[in-house]
Amino acid sequence: MIRIILFLLFTVSLFSGVQAQKAKPSKKPVKQQEMVHRSPSDPAQFPGCEDVQQYEMKISCAQSKLAEYVKANLKYPKSCLRDSIEGIAFVEFVIGKDGKISQISLNKKSKHPDMDKEAMRLIKSMGKQKVIWIPAKHNGKIVISQTVLPIKFKINRPVPPAVIEVDESEEN
């Protein structure tokens, strides 16, 4: 009986020692993760309009530059063109304090997986082309932000020529 009690005391003291060792604080400095802002007071902007002074015009210019980038780099999936499929893929990504994008993912899928794949490729191409965004600010301080970008897939159909009807009942 005494052996069992001594064994239990030994086991409990050994377990307590292991727990105490685990609870010791690490001597390495812990790097605290920064908050990712989803709605900063001054959102991140696509580059190319840094010289524009008026805020509203700068935002409009940045949106136009982003639309130009998308139009120039988007490759409509052949399978979707063939089947006349249109849709929108929502791509989510983080813009760091350095303006680089990371953590790219689908926020909401489109009607076709090839559209999702192309939307992801398009956003990843910004990193490969070293596109540096103007980082977001919150209360005047540069912050990490998260953006959701809708990528619209719309087939440009030719517009038929206007038909001019001539009333033949009128005579000169």
N, C-alpha and C. Protein backbone atom coordinates (compact mmCIF):
# COMPACT_ATOMS: atom_id res chain seq x y z
N MET A 1 0.82 -1.18 0.00
CA MET A 1 0.00 0.00 0.00
C MET A 1 0.87 1.25 0.00
N ILE A 2 1.92 1.26 0.82
CA ILE A 2 2.82 2.42 0.88
C ILE A 2 3.50 2.60 -0.47
N ARG A 3 3.86 1.50 -1.11
CA ARG A 3 4.50 1.59 -2.42
C ARG A 3 3.58 2.25 -3.44
N ILE A 4 2.30 1.91 -3.36
CA ILE A 4 1.34 2.50 -4.30
C ILE A 4 1.22 4.00 -4.05
N ILE A 5 1.16 4.41 -2.79
CA ILE A 5 1.05 5.83 -2.44
C ILE A 5 2.31 6.57 -2.87
N LEU A 6 3.48 5.98 -2.62
CA LEU A 6 4.73 6.61 -3.04
C LEU A 6 4.79 6.71 -4.57
N PHE A 7 4.33 5.66 -5.25
CA PHE A 7 4.31 5.69 -6.71
C PHE A 7 3.40 6.80 -7.21
N LEU A 8 2.22 6.93 -6.60
CA LEU A 8 1.28 7.98 -7.01
C LEU A 8 1.85 9.37 -6.74
N LEU A 9 2.49 9.56 -5.58
CA LEU A 9 3.10 10.86 -5.26
C LEU A 9 4.23 11.18 -6.24
N PHE A 10 5.02 10.16 -6.57
CA PHE A 10 6.11 10.35 -7.52
C PHE A 10 5.55 10.74 -8.90
N THR A 11 4.50 10.05 -9.32
CA THR A 11 3.89 10.32 -10.62
C THR A 11 3.29 11.72 -10.65
N VAL A 12 2.60 12.11 -9.60
CA VAL A 12 2.01 13.45 -9.53
C VAL A 12 3.09 14.51 -9.53
N SER A 13 4.17 14.31 -8.77
CA SER A 13 5.24 15.31 -8.74
C SER A 13 5.96 15.38 -10.08
N LEU A 14 6.13 14.25 -10.74
CA LEU A 14 6.75 14.24 -12.07
C LEU A 14 5.87 14.98 -13.06
N PHE A 15 4.56 14.74 -13.05
CA PHE A 15 3.61 15.39 -13.94
C PHE A 15 3.60 16.89 -13.69
N SER A 16 3.63 17.31 -12.42
CA SER A 16 3.65 18.73 -12.07
C SER A 16 4.92 19.40 -12.59
N GLY A 17 6.03 18.69 -12.54
CA GLY A 17 7.29 19.24 -13.05
C GLY A 17 7.25 19.44 -14.55
N VAL A 18 6.65 18.51 -15.25
CA VAL A 18 6.52 18.62 -16.71
C VAL A 18 5.62 19.80 -17.04
N GLN A 19 4.51 19.94 -16.32
CA GLN A 19 3.61 21.06 -16.57
C GLN A 19 4.29 22.39 -16.31
N ALA A 20 5.08 22.46 -15.26
CA ALA A 20 5.78 23.71 -14.94
C ALA A 20 6.78 24.06 -16.03
N GLN A 21 7.44 23.05 -16.59
CA GLN A 21 8.38 23.32 -17.67
C GLN A 21 7.67 23.86 -18.90
N LYS A 22 6.50 23.34 -19.21
CA LYS A 22 5.76 23.80 -20.37
C LYS A 22 5.27 25.23 -20.18
N ALA A 23 5.00 25.63 -18.96
CA ALA A 23 4.43 26.94 -18.70
C ALA A 23 5.48 28.05 -18.70
N LYS A 24 6.78 27.69 -18.74
CA LYS A 24 7.82 28.73 -18.73
C LYS A 24 7.72 29.58 -19.97
N PRO A 25 7.84 30.89 -19.82
CA PRO A 25 7.76 31.76 -20.99
C PRO A 25 8.97 31.56 -21.90
N SER A 26 8.74 31.67 -23.19
CA SER A 26 9.80 31.54 -24.17
C SER A 26 10.69 32.76 -24.13
N LYS A 27 11.98 32.56 -24.34
CA LYS A 27 12.90 33.70 -24.34
C LYS A 27 12.92 34.40 -25.69
N LYS A 28 12.30 33.74 -26.72
CA LYS A 28 12.20 34.37 -28.03
C LYS A 28 11.12 35.44 -28.00
N PRO A 29 11.37 36.58 -28.62
CA PRO A 29 10.31 37.60 -28.66
C PRO A 29 9.16 37.11 -29.53
N VAL A 30 7.95 37.30 -29.05
CA VAL A 30 6.76 36.88 -29.79
C VAL A 30 6.35 38.03 -30.70
N LYS A 31 6.29 37.74 -32.00
CA LYS A 31 5.87 38.75 -32.96
C LYS A 31 4.36 38.76 -33.01
N GLN A 32 3.77 39.86 -32.62
CA GLN A 32 2.32 39.98 -32.59
C GLN A 32 1.80 40.24 -34.00
N GLN A 33 0.80 39.48 -34.42
CA GLN A 33 0.23 39.68 -35.74
C GLN A 33 -0.57 40.98 -35.75
N GLU A 34 -0.42 41.69 -36.87
CA GLU A 34 -1.15 42.95 -37.00
C GLU A 34 -2.55 42.68 -37.50
N MET A 35 -3.43 43.58 -37.14
CA MET A 35 -4.82 43.48 -37.53
C MET A 35 -4.97 43.75 -39.03
N VAL A 36 -5.81 42.96 -39.68
CA VAL A 36 -6.13 43.18 -41.09
C VAL A 36 -7.44 43.97 -41.12
N HIS A 37 -7.39 45.15 -41.70
CA HIS A 37 -8.57 46.02 -41.76
C HIS A 37 -9.42 45.66 -42.97
N ARG A 38 -10.70 45.44 -42.72
CA ARG A 38 -11.62 45.15 -43.81
C ARG A 38 -12.31 46.41 -44.31
N SER A 39 -12.39 47.42 -43.49
CA SER A 39 -13.03 48.69 -43.89
C SER A 39 -12.19 49.86 -43.38
N PRO A 40 -10.99 50.04 -43.93
CA PRO A 40 -10.17 51.16 -43.46
C PRO A 40 -10.78 52.49 -43.89
N SER A 41 -10.43 53.55 -43.20
CA SER A 41 -10.98 54.87 -43.54
C SER A 41 -10.53 55.34 -44.92
N ASP A 42 -9.35 54.90 -45.36
CA ASP A 42 -8.82 55.24 -46.68
C ASP A 42 -8.38 53.93 -47.34
N PRO A 43 -9.22 53.33 -48.21
CA PRO A 43 -8.91 52.01 -48.76
C PRO A 43 -7.68 52.00 -49.65
N ALA A 44 -7.11 50.80 -49.82
CA ALA A 44 -5.98 50.61 -50.72
C ALA A 44 -6.41 50.95 -52.14
N GLN A 45 -5.44 51.42 -52.93
CA GLN A 45 -5.76 51.83 -54.30
C GLN A 45 -4.79 51.19 -55.29
N PHE A 46 -5.31 50.86 -56.46
CA PHE A 46 -4.48 50.36 -57.53
C PHE A 46 -3.55 51.50 -57.96
N PRO A 47 -2.30 51.20 -58.30
CA PRO A 47 -1.34 52.27 -58.61
C PRO A 47 -1.60 52.96 -59.95
N GLY A 48 -1.00 54.13 -60.08
CA GLY A 48 -1.05 54.87 -61.34
C GLY A 48 -1.66 56.24 -61.23
N CYS A 49 -2.17 56.58 -60.05
CA CYS A 49 -2.86 57.85 -59.89
C CYS A 49 -2.31 58.65 -58.70
N GLU A 50 -1.07 58.39 -58.36
CA GLU A 50 -0.48 59.02 -57.18
C GLU A 50 -0.39 60.54 -57.30
N ASP A 51 -0.32 61.05 -58.53
CA ASP A 51 -0.19 62.50 -58.73
C ASP A 51 -1.52 63.25 -58.65
N VAL A 52 -2.64 62.52 -58.67
CA VAL A 52 -3.95 63.16 -58.60
C VAL A 52 -4.16 63.66 -57.17
N GLN A 53 -4.55 64.92 -57.03
CA GLN A 53 -4.65 65.53 -55.70
C GLN A 53 -6.02 65.32 -55.04
N GLN A 54 -7.11 65.56 -55.78
CA GLN A 54 -8.43 65.47 -55.19
C GLN A 54 -8.78 64.00 -54.90
N TYR A 55 -9.22 63.73 -53.68
CA TYR A 55 -9.45 62.36 -53.22
C TYR A 55 -10.42 61.59 -54.11
N GLU A 56 -11.58 62.17 -54.41
CA GLU A 56 -12.59 61.48 -55.21
C GLU A 56 -12.05 61.16 -56.60
N MET A 57 -11.31 62.09 -57.18
CA MET A 57 -10.74 61.88 -58.51
C MET A 57 -9.65 60.80 -58.46
N LYS A 58 -8.91 60.77 -57.37
CA LYS A 58 -7.86 59.76 -57.20
C LYS A 58 -8.48 58.36 -57.13
N ILE A 59 -9.57 58.23 -56.36
CA ILE A 59 -10.26 56.94 -56.24
C ILE A 59 -10.81 56.51 -57.60
N SER A 60 -11.44 57.44 -58.30
CA SER A 60 -12.00 57.15 -59.62
C SER A 60 -10.90 56.74 -60.60
N CYS A 61 -9.79 57.44 -60.57
CA CYS A 61 -8.65 57.14 -61.44
C CYS A 61 -8.11 55.75 -61.12
N ALA A 62 -7.95 55.42 -59.85
CA ALA A 62 -7.42 54.11 -59.45
C ALA A 62 -8.35 52.99 -59.89
N GLN A 63 -9.66 53.21 -59.79
CA GLN A 63 -10.61 52.21 -60.24
C GLN A 63 -10.53 52.01 -61.75
N SER A 64 -10.32 53.11 -62.48
CA SER A 64 -10.17 53.02 -63.94
C SER A 64 -8.90 52.26 -64.31
N LYS A 65 -7.81 52.53 -63.59
CA LYS A 65 -6.54 51.83 -63.85
C LYS A 65 -6.69 50.33 -63.56
N LEU A 66 -7.41 49.99 -62.50
CA LEU A 66 -7.64 48.58 -62.17
C LEU A 66 -8.49 47.93 -63.26
N ALA A 67 -9.52 48.62 -63.73
CA ALA A 67 -10.36 48.08 -64.80
C ALA A 67 -9.54 47.86 -66.07
N GLU A 68 -8.62 48.79 -66.38
CA GLU A 68 -7.74 48.64 -67.54
C GLU A 68 -6.86 47.40 -67.38
N TYR A 69 -6.32 47.21 -66.18
CA TYR A 69 -5.47 46.05 -65.91
C TYR A 69 -6.25 44.75 -66.13
N VAL A 70 -7.47 44.71 -65.58
CA VAL A 70 -8.30 43.52 -65.71
C VAL A 70 -8.61 43.27 -67.19
N LYS A 71 -9.01 44.30 -67.90
CA LYS A 71 -9.36 44.16 -69.32
C LYS A 71 -8.15 43.68 -70.14
N ALA A 72 -6.98 44.19 -69.84
CA ALA A 72 -5.78 43.83 -70.60
C ALA A 72 -5.26 42.43 -70.26
N ASN A 73 -5.54 41.93 -69.07
CA ASN A 73 -4.93 40.67 -68.62
C ASN A 73 -5.90 39.50 -68.47
N LEU A 74 -7.20 39.77 -68.50
CA LEU A 74 -8.19 38.70 -68.34
C LEU A 74 -8.26 37.86 -69.61
N LYS A 75 -8.20 36.57 -69.44
CA LYS A 75 -8.34 35.63 -70.57
C LYS A 75 -9.64 34.87 -70.36
N TYR A 76 -10.63 35.19 -71.16
CA TYR A 76 -11.93 34.54 -71.01
C TYR A 76 -11.76 33.04 -71.26
N PRO A 77 -12.18 32.21 -70.34
CA PRO A 77 -12.02 30.77 -70.53
C PRO A 77 -12.73 30.28 -71.80
N LYS A 78 -12.03 29.52 -72.61
CA LYS A 78 -12.59 29.04 -73.89
C LYS A 78 -13.85 28.21 -73.66
N SER A 79 -13.84 27.39 -72.63
CA SER A 79 -15.02 26.55 -72.35
C SER A 79 -16.25 27.41 -72.05
N CYS A 80 -16.05 28.53 -71.39
CA CYS A 80 -17.17 29.42 -71.06
C CYS A 80 -17.62 30.21 -72.29
N LEU A 81 -16.67 30.60 -73.14
CA LEU A 81 -17.03 31.27 -74.39
C LEU A 81 -17.85 30.34 -75.27
N ARG A 82 -17.36 29.11 -75.40
CA ARG A 82 -18.03 28.11 -76.24
C ARG A 82 -19.47 27.89 -75.79
N ASP A 83 -19.68 27.85 -74.47
CA ASP A 83 -21.01 27.57 -73.93
C ASP A 83 -21.78 28.84 -73.56
N SER A 84 -21.24 30.01 -73.93
CA SER A 84 -21.86 31.32 -73.65
C SER A 84 -22.18 31.51 -72.17
N ILE A 85 -21.23 31.16 -71.31
CA ILE A 85 -21.42 31.29 -69.87
C ILE A 85 -20.81 32.61 -69.41
N GLU A 86 -21.60 33.39 -68.70
CA GLU A 86 -21.14 34.65 -68.11
C GLU A 86 -21.30 34.55 -66.60
N GLY A 87 -20.56 35.36 -65.86
CA GLY A 87 -20.68 35.33 -64.41
C GLY A 87 -19.68 36.24 -63.73
N ILE A 88 -19.67 36.18 -62.42
CA ILE A 88 -18.76 37.00 -61.61
C ILE A 88 -18.10 36.11 -60.57
N ALA A 89 -16.77 36.20 -60.48
CA ALA A 89 -16.02 35.52 -59.42
C ALA A 89 -15.53 36.61 -58.47
N PHE A 90 -15.66 36.37 -57.18
CA PHE A 90 -15.21 37.33 -56.18
C PHE A 90 -13.91 36.83 -55.57
N VAL A 91 -12.83 37.57 -55.79
CA VAL A 91 -11.52 37.17 -55.30
C VAL A 91 -11.15 38.08 -54.12
N GLU A 92 -10.70 37.44 -53.05
CA GLU A 92 -10.33 38.16 -51.83
C GLU A 92 -8.82 38.10 -51.68
N PHE A 93 -8.21 39.22 -51.28
CA PHE A 93 -6.77 39.22 -51.05
C PHE A 93 -6.41 40.29 -50.04
N VAL A 94 -5.20 40.15 -49.50
CA VAL A 94 -4.69 41.08 -48.49
C VAL A 94 -3.65 41.97 -49.16
N ILE A 95 -3.70 43.26 -48.83
CA ILE A 95 -2.72 44.22 -49.32
C ILE A 95 -1.91 44.67 -48.11
N GLY A 96 -0.62 44.34 -48.13
CA GLY A 96 0.26 44.65 -47.01
C GLY A 96 0.61 46.13 -46.93
N LYS A 97 1.30 46.49 -45.87
CA LYS A 97 1.76 47.86 -45.70
C LYS A 97 2.74 48.26 -46.79
N ASP A 98 3.36 47.26 -47.42
CA ASP A 98 4.31 47.51 -48.51
C ASP A 98 3.61 47.55 -49.87
N GLY A 99 2.29 47.35 -49.90
CA GLY A 99 1.53 47.40 -51.15
C GLY A 99 1.50 46.09 -51.92
N LYS A 100 2.15 45.06 -51.39
CA LYS A 100 2.16 43.76 -52.07
C LYS A 100 0.92 42.97 -51.66
N ILE A 101 0.43 42.16 -52.61
CA ILE A 101 -0.75 41.36 -52.32
C ILE A 101 -0.36 39.96 -51.87
N SER A 102 -1.21 39.38 -51.03
CA SER A 102 -0.98 38.02 -50.53
C SER A 102 -2.32 37.43 -50.13
N GLN A 103 -2.30 36.20 -49.67
CA GLN A 103 -3.48 35.49 -49.17
C GLN A 103 -4.66 35.58 -50.14
N ILE A 104 -4.39 35.22 -51.38
CA ILE A 104 -5.40 35.27 -52.43
C ILE A 104 -6.29 34.05 -52.33
N SER A 105 -7.61 34.27 -52.34
CA SER A 105 -8.56 33.16 -52.27
C SER A 105 -9.88 33.58 -52.91
N LEU A 106 -10.71 32.59 -53.20
CA LEU A 106 -12.04 32.89 -53.72
C LEU A 106 -12.95 33.23 -52.56
N ASN A 107 -13.62 34.35 -52.66
CA ASN A 107 -14.59 34.75 -51.65
C ASN A 107 -15.95 34.15 -51.99
N LYS A 108 -16.27 34.18 -53.29
CA LYS A 108 -17.53 33.61 -53.77
C LYS A 108 -17.28 33.08 -55.17
N LYS A 109 -17.66 31.84 -55.40
CA LYS A 109 -17.43 31.20 -56.68
C LYS A 109 -18.39 31.73 -57.74
N SER A 110 -17.93 31.61 -58.99
CA SER A 110 -18.75 32.01 -60.12
C SER A 110 -19.59 30.81 -60.58
N LYS A 111 -20.17 30.93 -61.77
CA LYS A 111 -21.00 29.86 -62.32
C LYS A 111 -20.17 28.69 -62.87
N HIS A 112 -18.87 28.91 -63.08
CA HIS A 112 -18.06 27.88 -63.72
C HIS A 112 -16.66 27.85 -63.09
N PRO A 113 -16.12 26.67 -62.81
CA PRO A 113 -14.79 26.58 -62.18
C PRO A 113 -13.67 27.19 -63.02
N ASP A 114 -13.82 27.21 -64.35
CA ASP A 114 -12.79 27.84 -65.19
C ASP A 114 -12.74 29.36 -64.98
N MET A 115 -13.89 29.95 -64.69
CA MET A 115 -13.92 31.39 -64.38
C MET A 115 -13.20 31.65 -63.06
N ASP A 116 -13.45 30.79 -62.08
CA ASP A 116 -12.79 30.93 -60.78
C ASP A 116 -11.27 30.82 -60.93
N LYS A 117 -10.86 29.83 -61.72
CA LYS A 117 -9.44 29.60 -61.95
C LYS A 117 -8.79 30.81 -62.64
N GLU A 118 -9.48 31.38 -63.61
CA GLU A 118 -8.95 32.54 -64.33
C GLU A 118 -8.92 33.79 -63.44
N ALA A 119 -9.92 33.96 -62.61
CA ALA A 119 -9.95 35.11 -61.69
C ALA A 119 -8.77 35.03 -60.72
N MET A 120 -8.51 33.83 -60.21
CA MET A 120 -7.37 33.63 -59.30
C MET A 120 -6.06 33.91 -60.04
N ARG A 121 -5.93 33.40 -61.28
CA ARG A 121 -4.72 33.62 -62.06
C ARG A 121 -4.49 35.11 -62.31
N LEU A 122 -5.57 35.83 -62.60
CA LEU A 122 -5.48 37.26 -62.86
C LEU A 122 -4.92 38.02 -61.65
N ILE A 123 -5.44 37.74 -60.47
CA ILE A 123 -4.97 38.44 -59.27
C ILE A 123 -3.54 38.02 -58.94
N LYS A 124 -3.23 36.74 -59.09
CA LYS A 124 -1.86 36.28 -58.84
C LYS A 124 -0.87 36.93 -59.82
N SER A 125 -1.34 37.26 -61.02
CA SER A 125 -0.46 37.89 -62.01
C SER A 125 0.01 39.26 -61.54
N MET A 126 -0.75 39.89 -60.68
CA MET A 126 -0.31 41.19 -60.13
C MET A 126 0.99 41.01 -59.36
N GLY A 127 1.09 39.94 -58.60
CA GLY A 127 2.31 39.66 -57.85
C GLY A 127 3.47 39.36 -58.77
N LYS A 128 3.20 38.58 -59.82
CA LYS A 128 4.26 38.23 -60.77
C LYS A 128 4.74 39.45 -61.55
N GLN A 129 3.82 40.38 -61.82
CA GLN A 129 4.19 41.59 -62.55
C GLN A 129 4.66 42.70 -61.60
N LYS A 130 4.76 42.35 -60.34
CA LYS A 130 5.22 43.27 -59.29
C LYS A 130 4.38 44.55 -59.22
N VAL A 131 3.06 44.38 -59.31
CA VAL A 131 2.14 45.50 -59.14
C VAL A 131 2.11 45.84 -57.65
N ILE A 132 2.46 47.06 -57.31
CA ILE A 132 2.47 47.49 -55.92
C ILE A 132 1.31 48.46 -55.70
N TRP A 133 0.36 48.05 -54.89
CA TRP A 133 -0.80 48.88 -54.57
C TRP A 133 -0.39 50.01 -53.62
N ILE A 134 -1.19 51.05 -53.58
CA ILE A 134 -1.03 52.10 -52.57
C ILE A 134 -1.74 51.55 -51.33
N PRO A 135 -1.00 51.31 -50.23
CA PRO A 135 -1.63 50.67 -49.07
C PRO A 135 -2.74 51.51 -48.45
N ALA A 136 -3.61 50.82 -47.76
CA ALA A 136 -4.73 51.47 -47.07
C ALA A 136 -4.20 52.26 -45.87
N LYS A 137 -5.01 53.22 -45.46
CA LYS A 137 -4.73 53.98 -44.23
C LYS A 137 -5.97 53.94 -43.36
N HIS A 138 -5.74 53.91 -42.08
CA HIS A 138 -6.85 54.00 -41.13
C HIS A 138 -6.45 55.03 -40.08
N ASN A 139 -7.24 56.06 -40.02
CA ASN A 139 -6.96 57.19 -39.12
C ASN A 139 -5.55 57.75 -39.37
N GLY A 140 -5.18 57.84 -40.66
CA GLY A 140 -3.90 58.43 -41.04
C GLY A 140 -2.70 57.51 -40.96
N LYS A 141 -2.88 56.29 -40.48
CA LYS A 141 -1.78 55.35 -40.32
C LYS A 141 -1.88 54.24 -41.38
N ILE A 142 -0.77 53.89 -42.03
CA ILE A 142 -0.76 52.82 -43.02
C ILE A 142 -1.05 51.49 -42.33
N VAL A 143 -1.99 50.74 -42.92
CA VAL A 143 -2.43 49.47 -42.32
C VAL A 143 -2.50 48.37 -43.38
N ILE A 144 -2.57 47.15 -42.90
CA ILE A 144 -2.81 45.99 -43.75
C ILE A 144 -4.32 45.94 -43.98
N SER A 145 -4.71 45.68 -45.23
CA SER A 145 -6.15 45.65 -45.51
C SER A 145 -6.52 44.45 -46.35
N GLN A 146 -7.80 44.14 -46.31
CA GLN A 146 -8.33 43.03 -47.10
C GLN A 146 -9.31 43.61 -48.11
N THR A 147 -9.24 43.10 -49.33
CA THR A 147 -10.08 43.58 -50.41
C THR A 147 -10.77 42.41 -51.08
N VAL A 148 -12.01 42.61 -51.47
CA VAL A 148 -12.72 41.63 -52.28
C VAL A 148 -12.98 42.30 -53.62
N LEU A 149 -12.48 41.67 -54.68
CA LEU A 149 -12.59 42.24 -56.01
C LEU A 149 -13.49 41.35 -56.87
N PRO A 150 -14.60 41.92 -57.38
CA PRO A 150 -15.43 41.13 -58.29
C PRO A 150 -14.81 41.14 -59.69
N ILE A 151 -14.63 39.97 -60.25
CA ILE A 151 -14.11 39.84 -61.61
C ILE A 151 -15.28 39.39 -62.48
N LYS A 152 -15.71 40.30 -63.37
CA LYS A 152 -16.90 40.03 -64.19
C LYS A 152 -16.50 39.44 -65.53
N PHE A 153 -17.16 38.33 -65.86
CA PHE A 153 -16.96 37.67 -67.14
C PHE A 153 -18.21 37.92 -67.97
N LYS A 154 -18.05 38.76 -68.98
CA LYS A 154 -19.17 39.11 -69.85
C LYS A 154 -18.71 39.01 -71.29
N ILE A 155 -19.47 38.31 -72.09
CA ILE A 155 -19.13 38.13 -73.49
C ILE A 155 -19.55 39.38 -74.26
N ASN A 156 -18.61 39.96 -74.98
CA ASN A 156 -18.92 41.12 -75.81
C ASN A 156 -19.54 40.63 -77.11
N ARG A 157 -20.80 40.85 -77.24
CA ARG A 157 -21.50 40.44 -78.46
C ARG A 157 -21.55 41.63 -79.41
N PRO A 158 -21.34 41.38 -80.69
CA PRO A 158 -21.41 42.50 -81.63
C PRO A 158 -22.81 43.09 -81.67
N VAL A 159 -22.85 44.39 -81.77
CA VAL A 159 -24.13 45.10 -81.84
C VAL A 159 -24.57 45.10 -83.30
N PRO A 160 -25.78 44.65 -83.55
CA PRO A 160 -26.24 44.65 -84.95
C PRO A 160 -26.40 46.08 -85.45
N PRO A 161 -26.15 46.28 -86.73
CA PRO A 161 -26.29 47.64 -87.26
C PRO A 161 -27.73 48.12 -87.14
N ALA A 162 -27.87 49.40 -86.98
CA ALA A 162 -29.20 49.99 -86.86
C ALA A 162 -29.94 49.83 -88.19
N VAL A 163 -31.19 49.52 -88.05
CA VAL A 163 -32.03 49.36 -89.25
C VAL A 163 -32.84 50.64 -89.40
N ILE A 164 -32.73 51.21 -90.58
CA ILE A 164 -33.47 52.44 -90.86
C ILE A 164 -34.68 52.04 -91.70
N GLU A 165 -35.82 52.32 -91.17
CA GLU A 165 -37.05 51.98 -91.90
C GLU A 165 -37.44 53.16 -92.77
N VAL A 166 -37.77 52.87 -93.97
CA VAL A 166 -38.18 53.91 -94.89
C VAL A 166 -39.67 53.73 -95.17
N ASP A 167 -40.38 54.79 -94.98
CA ASP A 167 -41.81 54.76 -95.25
C ASP A 167 -42.00 55.05 -96.74
N GLU A 168 -42.35 54.00 -97.48
CA GLU A 168 -42.48 54.13 -98.92
C GLU A 168 -43.81 54.75 -99.34
N SER A 169 -44.69 54.95 -98.41
CA SER A 169 -46.00 55.51 -98.77
C SER A 169 -45.90 57.01 -99.04
N GLU A 170 -44.85 57.61 -98.54
CA GLU A 170 -44.70 59.05 -98.79
C GLU A 170 -44.12 59.28 -100.18
N GLU A 171 -44.72 60.15 -100.91
CA GLU A 171 -44.22 60.49 -102.22
C GLU A 171 -43.95 61.97 -102.26
N ASN A 172 -42.95 62.35 -103.05
CA ASN A 172 -42.58 63.77 -103.14
C ASN A 172 -43.57 64.55 -103.90
